[in-house]
Amino acid sequence: MNFVIVGTNFISDTLLAAANTLNDFNLYAVCSRAVSSGEAFLAKHPQNAQAKIFTSIEQVCQDHNVDAVYIAAPNSLHKQYAVMCLEAGKHVLGEKPSAANSKELASIIATAKKHQRLYMEAMMTTHLPNFARLQQAMVKIGTPRKYIGQYSQYSSRYDKYKNGERPNTFLPEFANGALVDLGIYPLYLLIALWGAPKSVSASGVLLNTGVDGAGDVLLNYADKQAVISYSKISQGDNITEIQGELGRIRIEAVSQLKKIEFIANNGERELVSIAFDEHFMKFEVEHFMQMVSQKKLQSDINTHQLARNVMAVLDEARKQLGVIYPNDTVS
């Protein structure tokens, strides 16, 4: 399957290294604003040296040899690029968050349906082998009562911000912030397991650029409760717990589900997870290609409704935090 990777940042490096382990994946081209950055990206992946370099999304759309596009451009461009590619008949794997807001996401999904193409949000966590093992282990905790999801990682770009620079990760014009960058991982896992919440309450620390540097989102499910705690301006141990009446499940590194343990109320422990190699993004790419080959218009794991439910929480949380993107007024 001929792929184009749009955006040449570190996540694209990680995805390409993983995708290269799959037999049916072929990097047809990369799309970057400058030929030089495209060349620098391909130089890190010698086996893809023959890939083309596009410098505009229009070039991607016009090439009839392109089957699918992985969009890892800035968040503010996700909707525009996804819609253009879908209209051009390309399948789209869109990096999380799928769009800047729910209105943009609705436009992407409507376009995918109109043009009979697959659109899938590229959230890797739900495709990892340990996600299925986590789902199976949920019965062990009995009636679930509490979810505590944590992802706090001090950003190297925060030092640049404090020195007076304006890195993209802290700018509303790129639809960024700590919630959509890091908090989305424990949030996505939560909603994949428990569905949409009854209510949302959010508070956080806003930077003078207008985006959140850290925060907490409380989600009520009537008979159970969840809190998502996240930060790009402090560092945490990043342990996520799912507590029930019979015990709890402890997760290390929620984005990758590196280690999952069941701990019974009597203290007995059971390892739930299995080890996997560093190419953890290969599972989502493999699933995406399977969905295309089966002519499905949405993933049966990262469904359109799951994306909608997550985006609805992000919208409400940002509203309460006071984080407003330019996309919110023009989408």
Foldseek 3Di string as FASTA:
>chain_A
DEEEEEDQDPVVVLQVVLQVVDPPYADQEYEDQDVVSRCVSCVVPVVNNPHYYHNDLVVVLPDPVHAAYEYPPQQQCLLVSLLSNLLSVHAYAYEFPNHLFLVSLVSNLVSLVVSLHAYFYQQLLLLFPLVVLVLVCPVQQPAWAEKEFEAEAAAPCVVVVVVPDDDPQQALQSSHAWCRPTLLLSLLSVCLRPNFAPDKDKEADHDPNQGGQWIKIWGHRPRHIYMGTYGNRDDDQGWIWTHHNFWIWIAGPSSQSQWIWTAGPVGDIDTRDDHDDSSSSNSSVVQSVVCVVVSHRYGPRRGSSSSSSSSVNVVVRCVNHRRDHPSVVVD
